Amino acid sequence: RLLSVPGPGPARRRNAGGAAARAPLLLFLDDDMAPETGLLTAHVRAHAAGSGPRVGIGYLPPGNDTGGDWLKAQLRDWWEDVFVEMVRPGHRFCYTDVMSGNLSLPTALFLAIGGFQLPTTCREDYELGYRLLLAGAELVFCADARSLHEDKTDLHKLLGRKR
């Protein structure tokens, strides 16, 4: 089933998709993601392994081709460090680890916490992560749930996010 939801930002569309879902799990992928083989299986496996509500954070490896661009190389290295930290023994997951670009969670949990808060233009993942943790969800990193991130961030977009 295809839904078309007008309006800015992904939160509105994700909420509509979550409300229309019939499956017990939701998987969110950004439009700049290229899912790799095994992504769905890895997310399902992560949820089956837990005893309570879990949120699966998929691996979004950045593209390695920076074209010699210093900013792109710095962003790539920072992004990869985020995932290195998640696999570190003893890592304590927090709301800033939630990235809806490759994220799975129980449909009932998503609906119970009210989905993404509107209006949002940036950092909706962090706000969702905060409420998921308050609801008692366990955040888990799914290293095998890979989706190549074809990030189109440039200096203008980066400065806008920081602002």
Protein backbone atom coordinates (compact mmCIF):
# COMPACT_ATOMS: atom_id res chain seq x y z
CA ARG A 1 0.00 0.00 0.00
CA LEU A 2 1.35 3.42 -0.93
CA LEU A 3 0.63 6.47 1.19
CA SER A 4 1.17 10.03 0.06
CA VAL A 5 1.38 12.56 2.88
CA PRO A 6 2.13 16.20 2.09
CA GLY A 7 4.07 18.48 4.37
CA PRO A 8 7.62 19.18 5.43
CA GLY A 9 9.93 16.68 7.11
CA PRO A 10 9.74 12.91 7.44
CA ALA A 11 7.96 12.81 10.83
CA ARG A 12 4.47 13.40 9.42
CA ARG A 13 4.91 10.66 6.81
CA ARG A 14 6.38 8.21 9.32
CA ASN A 15 3.48 8.79 11.68
CA ALA A 16 0.98 8.13 8.89
CA GLY A 17 2.80 4.95 7.90
CA GLY A 18 2.92 3.76 11.51
CA ALA A 19 -0.80 4.40 11.96
CA ALA A 20 -1.61 2.47 8.78
CA ALA A 21 0.71 -0.46 9.54
CA ARG A 22 -0.72 -3.93 10.05
CA ALA A 23 2.53 -5.69 10.95
CA PRO A 24 3.85 -6.01 14.52
CA LEU A 25 7.16 -4.30 13.61
CA LEU A 26 7.91 -1.04 11.84
CA LEU A 27 11.09 -0.38 9.88
CA PHE A 28 11.99 3.18 8.97
CA LEU A 29 14.54 3.88 6.22
CA ASP A 30 15.52 7.32 4.99
CA ASP A 31 15.28 8.12 1.30
CA ASP A 32 19.08 8.28 1.05
CA MET A 33 19.51 4.67 2.25
CA ALA A 34 20.37 1.71 0.04
CA PRO A 35 19.38 -1.41 2.04
CA GLU A 36 21.75 -4.33 1.84
CA THR A 37 20.89 -8.04 1.82
CA GLY A 38 19.88 -9.31 5.24
CA LEU A 39 18.66 -5.97 6.61
CA LEU A 40 15.12 -7.18 7.37
CA THR A 41 16.28 -10.50 8.83
CA ALA A 42 18.74 -8.71 11.13
CA HIS A 43 16.06 -6.37 12.46
CA VAL A 44 13.61 -9.22 13.08
CA ARG A 45 16.33 -11.24 14.81
CA ALA A 46 17.15 -8.30 17.11
CA HIS A 47 13.55 -8.08 18.27
CA ALA A 48 13.21 -11.83 18.77
CA ALA A 49 16.26 -11.87 21.06
CA GLY A 50 14.78 -9.58 23.71
CA SER A 51 12.23 -10.10 26.42
CA GLY A 52 10.77 -6.58 26.42
CA PRO A 53 10.20 -3.87 23.84
CA ARG A 54 13.32 -3.30 21.76
CA VAL A 55 14.35 -0.66 19.27
CA GLY A 56 16.74 -1.86 16.57
CA ILE A 57 19.26 0.68 15.36
CA GLY A 58 20.62 -0.44 12.01
CA TYR A 59 24.11 0.20 10.71
CA LEU A 60 24.35 3.07 8.24
CA PRO A 61 27.90 2.84 6.91
CA PRO A 62 28.88 6.06 5.18
CA GLY A 63 30.13 6.04 1.63
CA ASN A 64 33.91 6.07 1.47
CA ASP A 65 34.24 8.27 -1.61
CA THR A 66 34.77 11.79 -0.30
CA GLY A 67 36.11 13.11 -3.57
CA GLY A 68 38.98 14.70 -1.66
CA ASP A 69 36.52 16.95 0.19
CA TRP A 70 37.82 17.68 3.71
CA LEU A 71 34.33 18.25 5.18
CA LYS A 72 32.99 14.99 3.75
CA ALA A 73 35.99 13.10 5.13
CA GLN A 74 35.46 14.62 8.59
CA LEU A 75 31.74 13.79 8.53
CA ARG A 76 32.47 10.24 7.40
CA ASP A 77 34.96 9.70 10.24
CA TRP A 78 32.62 11.23 12.85
CA TRP A 79 29.73 9.09 11.59
CA GLU A 80 31.76 5.88 11.73
CA ASP A 81 32.89 6.73 15.29
CA VAL A 82 29.21 6.77 16.33
CA PHE A 83 28.88 3.09 15.39
CA VAL A 84 32.27 2.12 16.83
CA GLU A 85 31.02 3.46 20.16
CA MET A 86 27.77 1.46 19.94
CA VAL A 87 29.64 -1.85 19.75
CA ARG A 88 32.01 -0.95 22.59
CA PRO A 89 31.44 -3.30 25.56
CA GLY A 90 29.59 -1.40 28.27
CA HIS A 91 28.19 1.25 25.92
CA ARG A 92 25.16 2.82 27.57
CA PHE A 93 22.64 3.68 24.91
CA CYS A 94 20.97 7.07 25.14
CA TYR A 95 18.48 9.11 23.16
CA THR A 96 21.20 10.46 20.85
CA ASP A 97 21.83 6.91 19.57
CA VAL A 98 18.37 6.76 17.96
CA MET A 99 18.60 7.30 14.20
CA SER A 100 15.41 6.82 12.24
CA GLY A 101 17.30 6.45 8.98
CA ASN A 102 17.47 2.69 9.67
CA LEU A 103 15.34 1.93 12.71
CA SER A 104 12.92 -0.80 13.75
CA LEU A 105 10.50 -0.93 16.64
CA PRO A 106 7.23 -2.57 17.62
CA THR A 107 4.24 -0.89 15.98
CA ALA A 108 2.34 -0.91 19.29
CA LEU A 109 5.20 0.90 21.05
CA PHE A 110 5.45 3.53 18.31
CA LEU A 111 1.72 4.21 18.53
CA ALA A 112 1.66 4.12 22.35
CA ILE A 113 4.25 6.89 22.66
CA GLY A 114 2.52 8.97 19.99
CA GLY A 115 5.01 8.53 17.14
CA PHE A 116 7.15 11.47 16.14
CA GLN A 117 6.23 14.82 17.64
CA LEU A 118 5.15 17.53 15.22
CA PRO A 119 6.21 19.96 14.04
CA THR A 120 9.85 19.04 13.78
CA THR A 121 12.44 20.14 11.28
CA CYS A 122 15.52 18.59 12.86
CA ARG A 123 16.52 16.24 15.67
CA GLU A 124 13.18 14.41 15.71
CA ASP A 125 15.17 11.22 16.29
CA TYR A 126 16.55 12.46 19.60
CA GLU A 127 13.12 13.46 20.86
CA LEU A 128 11.71 10.06 19.85
CA GLY A 129 14.67 8.33 21.52
CA TYR A 130 14.01 10.17 24.76
CA ARG A 131 10.38 9.03 24.85
CA LEU A 132 11.31 5.46 23.89
CA LEU A 133 13.70 5.27 26.82
CA LEU A 134 11.06 6.74 29.16
CA ALA A 135 8.70 4.00 27.95
CA GLY A 136 11.25 1.36 29.00
CA ALA A 137 12.41 0.31 25.52
CA GLU A 138 15.81 -1.30 25.15
CA LEU A 139 17.97 0.20 22.40
CA VAL A 140 20.09 -2.34 20.51
CA PHE A 141 22.55 -1.92 17.67
CA CYS A 142 21.95 -4.28 14.74
CA ALA A 143 25.32 -4.37 12.97
CA ASP A 144 23.99 -6.79 10.33
CA ALA A 145 21.05 -4.52 9.48
CA ARG A 146 23.11 -2.58 6.97
CA SER A 147 21.91 0.23 4.76
CA LEU A 148 24.46 2.27 2.83
CA HIS A 149 24.01 5.95 3.63
CA GLU A 150 24.28 8.12 0.51
CA ASP A 151 24.48 11.32 2.53
CA LYS A 152 24.20 14.55 0.57
CA THR A 153 25.23 16.84 3.44
CA ASP A 154 27.16 19.92 2.45
CA LEU A 155 28.40 22.88 4.47
CA HIS A 156 25.11 24.78 4.04
CA LYS A 157 23.02 21.84 5.36
CA LEU A 158 25.46 21.19 8.18
CA LEU A 159 25.37 24.80 9.37
CA GLY A 160 21.56 24.79 9.17
CA ARG A 161 21.38 21.71 11.41
CA LYS A 162 23.76 23.26 13.91
CA ARG A 163 21.74 26.48 13.96
